[in-house]
């Protein structure tokens, strides 16, 4: 049985329980890293936080660690983060929280959300905190785009150029082919992606990239 589904039972020793909890937390953090999602496991006081690799870049810049506790970079941010964590364990937590907005040091925005985790699987008082930057738009991974839509190498290169704002003539110049060749590739891409215009294609690939 996978570690993420192991909970303490009457025949489970404390060391086995701790190992199962650590395995579950580690597995969750790795899963979030695969989708490049900043994730933190902490408690309702922000204590003993565990960061995945994606979240580690936030520490010291957008989120602080002071005396082993998760803190905001300004007093208002700190209060908002504290209130969010406390609200998750409150009896009326359903009345709270779609999340909070924090600010980057550079003035940008961060969306911070939290949810309580199963204590049997992830340990007592475990809360998952996720941090998203709305301004960040990851580019599609070329190999995954090709796999998803069965594109050839040439079609994949053209699709990536178009989704990043290039026109057909610019794409032809960058690819070193004629405009008629680009149009032939584009027609094939339309068929494989079930789209009918460049705008529709870009929107489809943008939806795909947001899931990466």
C-alpha atoms as a PDB file:
ATOM      1  CA  UNK A   1       0.000   0.000   0.000  1.00  0.00           C
ATOM      2  CA  UNK A   2       1.422   3.445  -0.910  1.00  0.00           C
ATOM      3  CA  UNK A   3       2.844   5.429   1.992  1.00  0.00           C
ATOM      4  CA  UNK A   4       0.388   8.267   1.416  1.00  0.00           C
ATOM      5  CA  UNK A   5      -2.455   5.973   2.475  1.00  0.00           C
ATOM      6  CA  UNK A   6      -0.833   4.554   5.615  1.00  0.00           C
ATOM      7  CA  UNK A   7      -2.298   5.867   8.874  1.00  0.00           C
ATOM      8  CA  UNK A   8      -1.564   4.904  12.483  1.00  0.00           C
ATOM      9  CA  UNK A   9      -3.261   1.712  13.629  1.00  0.00           C
ATOM     10  CA  UNK A  10      -3.304  -0.119  16.914  1.00  0.00           C
ATOM     11  CA  UNK A  11      -0.382  -2.337  15.825  1.00  0.00           C
ATOM     12  CA  UNK A  12       1.669   0.537  14.373  1.00  0.00           C
ATOM     13  CA  UNK A  13       4.704   1.700  16.366  1.00  0.00           C
ATOM     14  CA  UNK A  14       5.436   5.452  16.738  1.00  0.00           C
ATOM     15  CA  UNK A  15       8.488   5.159  14.490  1.00  0.00           C
ATOM     16  CA  UNK A  16       6.422   3.478  11.765  1.00  0.00           C
ATOM     17  CA  UNK A  17       3.798   6.176  12.071  1.00  0.00           C
ATOM     18  CA  UNK A  18       6.387   8.955  11.818  1.00  0.00           C
ATOM     19  CA  UNK A  19       7.975   7.296   8.788  1.00  0.00           C
ATOM     20  CA  UNK A  20       4.585   6.974   7.081  1.00  0.00           C
ATOM     21  CA  UNK A  21       3.751  10.638   7.753  1.00  0.00           C
ATOM     22  CA  UNK A  22       7.125  11.788   6.430  1.00  0.00           C
ATOM     23  CA  UNK A  23       6.681   9.641   3.325  1.00  0.00           C
ATOM     24  CA  UNK A  24       3.218  11.087   2.708  1.00  0.00           C
ATOM     25  CA  UNK A  25       4.455  14.657   3.103  1.00  0.00           C
ATOM     26  CA  UNK A  26       7.483  14.007   0.904  1.00  0.00           C
ATOM     27  CA  UNK A  27       5.312  12.440  -1.796  1.00  0.00           C
ATOM     28  CA  UNK A  28       2.894  15.354  -1.784  1.00  0.00           C
ATOM     29  CA  UNK A  29       5.690  17.919  -2.016  1.00  0.00           C
ATOM     30  CA  UNK A  30       7.295  16.079  -4.923  1.00  0.00           C
ATOM     31  CA  UNK A  31       3.949  15.930  -6.708  1.00  0.00           C
ATOM     32  CA  UNK A  32       3.554  19.701  -6.397  1.00  0.00           C
ATOM     33  CA  UNK A  33       7.099  20.206  -7.672  1.00  0.00           C
ATOM     34  CA  UNK A  34       6.209  18.240 -10.809  1.00  0.00           C
ATOM     35  CA  UNK A  35       3.573  20.850 -11.678  1.00  0.00           C
ATOM     36  CA  UNK A  36       5.809  23.718 -10.489  1.00  0.00           C
ATOM     37  CA  UNK A  37       3.430  24.661  -7.697  1.00  0.00           C
ATOM     38  CA  UNK A  38       4.843  26.298  -4.566  1.00  0.00           C
ATOM     39  CA  UNK A  39       3.630  24.236  -1.600  1.00  0.00           C
ATOM     40  CA  UNK A  40       4.261  24.425   2.138  1.00  0.00           C
ATOM     41  CA  UNK A  41       3.104  22.065   4.899  1.00  0.00           C
ATOM     42  CA  UNK A  42       2.820  23.750   8.291  1.00  0.00           C
ATOM     43  CA  UNK A  43       0.484  23.949  11.290  1.00  0.00           C
ATOM     44  CA  UNK A  44      -2.134  26.514  12.289  1.00  0.00           C
ATOM     45  CA  UNK A  45       0.586  28.645  13.947  1.00  0.00           C
ATOM     46  CA  UNK A  46       2.905  28.521  10.935  1.00  0.00           C
ATOM     47  CA  UNK A  47       5.302  26.316  12.881  1.00  0.00           C
ATOM     48  CA  UNK A  48       7.753  23.693  11.565  1.00  0.00           C
ATOM     49  CA  UNK A  49       7.052  24.466   7.919  1.00  0.00           C
ATOM     50  CA  UNK A  50       8.229  22.117   5.179  1.00  0.00           C
ATOM     51  CA  UNK A  51       8.809  23.672   1.751  1.00  0.00           C
ATOM     52  CA  UNK A  52       8.982  21.977  -1.606  1.00  0.00           C
ATOM     53  CA  UNK A  53      11.709  23.118  -4.023  1.00  0.00           C
ATOM     54  CA  UNK A  54       9.339  25.459  -5.855  1.00  0.00           C
ATOM     55  CA  UNK A  55       8.393  27.204  -2.604  1.00  0.00           C
ATOM     56  CA  UNK A  56      11.958  27.547  -1.355  1.00  0.00           C
ATOM     57  CA  UNK A  57      12.615  30.473  -3.725  1.00  0.00           C
ATOM     58  CA  UNK A  58       9.922  32.453  -1.891  1.00  0.00           C
ATOM     59  CA  UNK A  59      11.670  32.226   1.473  1.00  0.00           C
ATOM     60  CA  UNK A  60      13.440  35.452   2.335  1.00  0.00           C
ATOM     61  CA  UNK A  61      11.808  37.306  -0.535  1.00  0.00           C
ATOM     62  CA  UNK A  62       8.040  36.965  -0.264  1.00  0.00           C
ATOM     63  CA  UNK A  63       7.686  34.808   2.853  1.00  0.00           C
ATOM     64  CA  UNK A  64       9.897  34.810   5.937  1.00  0.00           C
ATOM     65  CA  UNK A  65      11.032  32.100   8.323  1.00  0.00           C
ATOM     66  CA  UNK A  66      11.540  33.553  11.804  1.00  0.00           C
ATOM     67  CA  UNK A  67      12.322  31.279  14.754  1.00  0.00           C
ATOM     68  CA  UNK A  68      10.987  28.283  12.837  1.00  0.00           C
ATOM     69  CA  UNK A  69       7.688  29.934  11.943  1.00  0.00           C
ATOM     70  CA  UNK A  70       6.138  31.062   8.677  1.00  0.00           C
ATOM     71  CA  UNK A  71       5.796  34.850   8.605  1.00  0.00           C
ATOM     72  CA  UNK A  72       4.752  37.584   6.187  1.00  0.00           C
ATOM     73  CA  UNK A  73       7.275  40.176   4.999  1.00  0.00           C
ATOM     74  CA  UNK A  74       5.288  43.107   6.428  1.00  0.00           C
ATOM     75  CA  UNK A  75       3.086  43.400   9.547  1.00  0.00           C
ATOM     76  CA  UNK A  76      -0.153  43.448   7.461  1.00  0.00           C
ATOM     77  CA  UNK A  77       1.031  40.444   5.438  1.00  0.00           C
ATOM     78  CA  UNK A  78       2.003  38.647   8.621  1.00  0.00           C
ATOM     79  CA  UNK A  79      -1.427  39.245  10.169  1.00  0.00           C
ATOM     80  CA  UNK A  80      -3.196  38.102   6.988  1.00  0.00           C
ATOM     81  CA  UNK A  81      -1.152  34.907   6.828  1.00  0.00           C
ATOM     82  CA  UNK A  82      -1.689  34.205  10.536  1.00  0.00           C
ATOM     83  CA  UNK A  83      -5.437  34.776  10.225  1.00  0.00           C
ATOM     84  CA  UNK A  84      -5.609  32.488   7.198  1.00  0.00           C
ATOM     85  CA  UNK A  85      -3.923  29.625   9.043  1.00  0.00           C
ATOM     86  CA  UNK A  86      -6.055  30.087  12.161  1.00  0.00           C
ATOM     87  CA  UNK A  87      -9.252  30.247  10.108  1.00  0.00           C
ATOM     88  CA  UNK A  88      -8.569  26.844   8.587  1.00  0.00           C
ATOM     89  CA  UNK A  89      -8.902  25.126  11.967  1.00  0.00           C
ATOM     90  CA  UNK A  90     -11.778  27.258  13.255  1.00  0.00           C
ATOM     91  CA  UNK A  91     -15.223  25.597  13.626  1.00  0.00           C
ATOM     92  CA  UNK A  92     -16.764  27.969  11.094  1.00  0.00           C
ATOM     93  CA  UNK A  93     -13.963  27.665   8.549  1.00  0.00           C
ATOM     94  CA  UNK A  94     -16.574  27.289   5.791  1.00  0.00           C
ATOM     95  CA  UNK A  95     -17.248  31.018   6.210  1.00  0.00           C
ATOM     96  CA  UNK A  96     -13.625  31.801   5.443  1.00  0.00           C
ATOM     97  CA  UNK A  97     -11.434  31.676   2.958  1.00  0.00           C
ATOM     98  CA  UNK A  98     -10.914  31.564  -0.730  1.00  0.00           C
ATOM     99  CA  UNK A  99      -7.418  32.718   0.189  1.00  0.00           C
ATOM    100  CA  UNK A 100      -5.511  35.925   0.714  1.00  0.00           C
ATOM    101  CA  UNK A 101      -3.489  38.267  -1.444  1.00  0.00           C
ATOM    102  CA  UNK A 102       0.090  39.072  -0.492  1.00  0.00           C
ATOM    103  CA  UNK A 103       2.508  41.338  -2.313  1.00  0.00           C
ATOM    104  CA  UNK A 104       5.907  40.563  -3.732  1.00  0.00           C
ATOM    105  CA  UNK A 105       8.718  42.792  -2.577  1.00  0.00           C
ATOM    106  CA  UNK A 106       8.669  44.089  -6.160  1.00  0.00           C
ATOM    107  CA  UNK A 107       4.995  45.013  -5.873  1.00  0.00           C
ATOM    108  CA  UNK A 108       3.475  42.012  -7.669  1.00  0.00           C
ATOM    109  CA  UNK A 109       0.681  39.905  -6.217  1.00  0.00           C
ATOM    110  CA  UNK A 110       0.643  36.426  -4.729  1.00  0.00           C
ATOM    111  CA  UNK A 111      -2.456  34.316  -4.100  1.00  0.00           C
ATOM    112  CA  UNK A 112      -2.081  32.240  -0.939  1.00  0.00           C
ATOM    113  CA  UNK A 113      -4.556  29.451  -0.169  1.00  0.00           C
ATOM    114  CA  UNK A 114      -4.668  26.888   2.613  1.00  0.00           C
ATOM    115  CA  UNK A 115      -6.467  23.672   3.408  1.00  0.00           C
ATOM    116  CA  UNK A 116      -6.289  21.274   6.341  1.00  0.00           C
ATOM    117  CA  UNK A 117      -4.807  17.828   5.628  1.00  0.00           C
ATOM    118  CA  UNK A 118      -5.871  14.461   6.985  1.00  0.00           C
ATOM    119  CA  UNK A 119      -4.130  14.051  10.364  1.00  0.00           C
ATOM    120  CA  UNK A 120      -4.076  10.263   9.954  1.00  0.00           C
ATOM    121  CA  UNK A 121      -2.046  10.553   6.758  1.00  0.00           C
ATOM    122  CA  UNK A 122      -0.072  13.790   7.089  1.00  0.00           C
ATOM    123  CA  UNK A 123       0.208  14.218  10.860  1.00  0.00           C
ATOM    124  CA  UNK A 124      -1.759  16.245  13.432  1.00  0.00           C
ATOM    125  CA  UNK A 125      -2.515  19.914  12.697  1.00  0.00           C
ATOM    126  CA  UNK A 126      -1.065  19.683   9.175  1.00  0.00           C
ATOM    127  CA  UNK A 127      -2.097  22.456   6.815  1.00  0.00           C
ATOM    128  CA  UNK A 128      -1.210  22.696   3.130  1.00  0.00           C
ATOM    129  CA  UNK A 129      -0.401  26.218   1.942  1.00  0.00           C
ATOM    130  CA  UNK A 130      -0.112  26.903  -1.798  1.00  0.00           C
ATOM    131  CA  UNK A 131       1.269  30.109  -3.289  1.00  0.00           C
ATOM    132  CA  UNK A 132       0.507  31.247  -6.844  1.00  0.00           C
ATOM    133  CA  UNK A 133       1.794  34.194  -8.841  1.00  0.00           C
ATOM    134  CA  UNK A 134      -0.947  35.292 -11.301  1.00  0.00           C
ATOM    135  CA  UNK A 135       1.641  37.105 -13.418  1.00  0.00           C
ATOM    136  CA  UNK A 136       3.577  33.886 -14.046  1.00  0.00           C
ATOM    137  CA  UNK A 137       2.626  32.138 -17.236  1.00  0.00           C
ATOM    138  CA  UNK A 138       4.838  29.124 -17.859  1.00  0.00           C
ATOM    139  CA  UNK A 139       5.643  28.412 -21.505  1.00  0.00           C
ATOM    140  CA  UNK A 140       4.469  25.117 -22.932  1.00  0.00           C
ATOM    141  CA  UNK A 141       6.998  22.317 -22.774  1.00  0.00           C
ATOM    142  CA  UNK A 142       7.615  21.544 -26.443  1.00  0.00           C
ATOM    143  CA  UNK A 143       7.825  17.768 -26.016  1.00  0.00           C
ATOM    144  CA  UNK A 144       4.534  17.685 -24.060  1.00  0.00           C
ATOM    145  CA  UNK A 145       2.770  19.837 -26.651  1.00  0.00           C
ATOM    146  CA  UNK A 146       3.974  17.446 -29.347  1.00  0.00           C
ATOM    147  CA  UNK A 147       2.750  14.412 -27.392  1.00  0.00           C
ATOM    148  CA  UNK A 148      -0.598  15.945 -26.518  1.00  0.00           C
ATOM    149  CA  UNK A 149      -1.507  16.837 -30.098  1.00  0.00           C
ATOM    150  CA  UNK A 150       0.692  14.392 -32.068  1.00  0.00           C
ATOM    151  CA  UNK A 151       2.565  17.245 -33.746  1.00  0.00           C
ATOM    152  CA  UNK A 152       5.646  16.787 -35.882  1.00  0.00           C
ATOM    153  CA  UNK A 153       8.868  18.581 -34.933  1.00  0.00           C
ATOM    154  CA  UNK A 154       8.225  21.338 -37.476  1.00  0.00           C
ATOM    155  CA  UNK A 155       4.604  21.742 -36.344  1.00  0.00           C
ATOM    156  CA  UNK A 156       5.678  21.927 -32.687  1.00  0.00           C
ATOM    157  CA  UNK A 157       8.214  24.669 -33.421  1.00  0.00           C
ATOM    158  CA  UNK A 158       5.604  26.676 -35.338  1.00  0.00           C
ATOM    159  CA  UNK A 159       2.970  26.232 -32.611  1.00  0.00           C
ATOM    160  CA  UNK A 160       5.399  27.489 -29.948  1.00  0.00           C
ATOM    161  CA  UNK A 161       6.313  30.521 -32.045  1.00  0.00           C
ATOM    162  CA  UNK A 162       2.642  31.378 -32.557  1.00  0.00           C
ATOM    163  CA  UNK A 163       1.618  30.951 -28.917  1.00  0.00           C
ATOM    164  CA  UNK A 164       4.433  33.280 -27.898  1.00  0.00           C
ATOM    165  CA  UNK A 165       3.125  36.073 -30.085  1.00  0.00           C
ATOM    166  CA  UNK A 166       4.797  35.550 -33.449  1.00  0.00           C
ATOM    167  CA  UNK A 167       3.027  35.959 -36.782  1.00  0.00           C
ATOM    168  CA  UNK A 168       3.281  33.671 -39.793  1.00  0.00           C
ATOM    169  CA  UNK A 169       5.911  35.723 -41.626  1.00  0.00           C
ATOM    170  CA  UNK A 170       8.050  36.073 -38.505  1.00  0.00           C
ATOM    171  CA  UNK A 171       7.686  32.328 -37.924  1.00  0.00           C
ATOM    172  CA  UNK A 172       8.729  31.604 -41.515  1.00  0.00           C
ATOM    173  CA  UNK A 173      11.857  33.727 -41.083  1.00  0.00           C
ATOM    174  CA  UNK A 174      12.797  32.095 -37.789  1.00  0.00           C
ATOM    175  CA  UNK A 175      12.192  28.594 -39.127  1.00  0.00           C
ATOM    176  CA  UNK A 176      13.961  29.344 -42.421  1.00  0.00           C
ATOM    177  CA  UNK A 177      11.069  28.171 -44.595  1.00  0.00           C
ATOM    178  CA  UNK A 178       8.644  29.766 -47.019  1.00  0.00           C
ATOM    179  CA  UNK A 179       5.368  31.310 -45.976  1.00  0.00           C
ATOM    180  CA  UNK A 180       3.526  28.643 -47.984  1.00  0.00           C
ATOM    181  CA  UNK A 181       5.296  25.919 -45.959  1.00  0.00           C
ATOM    182  CA  UNK A 182       4.267  27.644 -42.744  1.00  0.00           C
ATOM    183  CA  UNK A 183       0.666  27.772 -43.931  1.00  0.00           C
ATOM    184  CA  UNK A 184       0.789  24.053 -44.743  1.00  0.00           C
ATOM    185  CA  UNK A 185       2.097  23.293 -41.240  1.00  0.00           C
ATOM    186  CA  UNK A 186      -0.548  25.564 -39.707  1.00  0.00           C
ATOM    187  CA  UNK A 187      -3.342  23.783 -41.573  1.00  0.00           C
ATOM    188  CA  UNK A 188      -2.071  20.467 -40.175  1.00  0.00           C
ATOM    189  CA  UNK A 189      -1.896  21.943 -36.663  1.00  0.00           C
ATOM    190  CA  UNK A 190      -5.487  23.193 -36.936  1.00  0.00           C
ATOM    191  CA  UNK A 191      -6.627  19.678 -37.817  1.00  0.00           C
ATOM    192  CA  UNK A 192      -4.733  18.015 -34.968  1.00  0.00           C
ATOM    193  CA  UNK A 193      -5.780  20.551 -32.320  1.00  0.00           C
ATOM    194  CA  UNK A 194      -9.375  20.877 -33.571  1.00  0.00           C
ATOM    195  CA  UNK A 195      -8.994  24.634 -33.983  1.00  0.00           C
ATOM    196  CA  UNK A 196      -9.839  26.864 -36.941  1.00  0.00           C
ATOM    197  CA  UNK A 197      -7.883  30.094 -36.470  1.00  0.00           C
ATOM    198  CA  UNK A 198      -4.630  31.345 -35.001  1.00  0.00           C
ATOM    199  CA  UNK A 199      -6.515  33.009 -32.153  1.00  0.00           C
ATOM    200  CA  UNK A 200      -8.340  29.772 -31.339  1.00  0.00           C
ATOM    201  CA  UNK A 201      -5.068  27.821 -31.546  1.00  0.00           C
ATOM    202  CA  UNK A 202      -3.271  30.213 -29.190  1.00  0.00           C
ATOM    203  CA  UNK A 203      -6.179  30.044 -26.729  1.00  0.00           C
ATOM    204  CA  UNK A 204      -6.143  26.232 -26.836  1.00  0.00           C
ATOM    205  CA  UNK A 205      -2.391  26.001 -26.234  1.00  0.00           C
ATOM    206  CA  UNK A 206      -2.595  28.643 -23.490  1.00  0.00           C
ATOM    207  CA  UNK A 207      -5.195  26.497 -21.714  1.00  0.00           C
ATOM    208  CA  UNK A 208      -2.922  23.493 -22.121  1.00  0.00           C
ATOM    209  CA  UNK A 209       0.153  25.338 -20.774  1.00  0.00           C
ATOM    210  CA  UNK A 210      -1.750  26.554 -17.696  1.00  0.00           C
ATOM    211  CA  UNK A 211      -2.175  22.918 -16.675  1.00  0.00           C
ATOM    212  CA  UNK A 212       1.570  22.198 -16.862  1.00  0.00           C
END
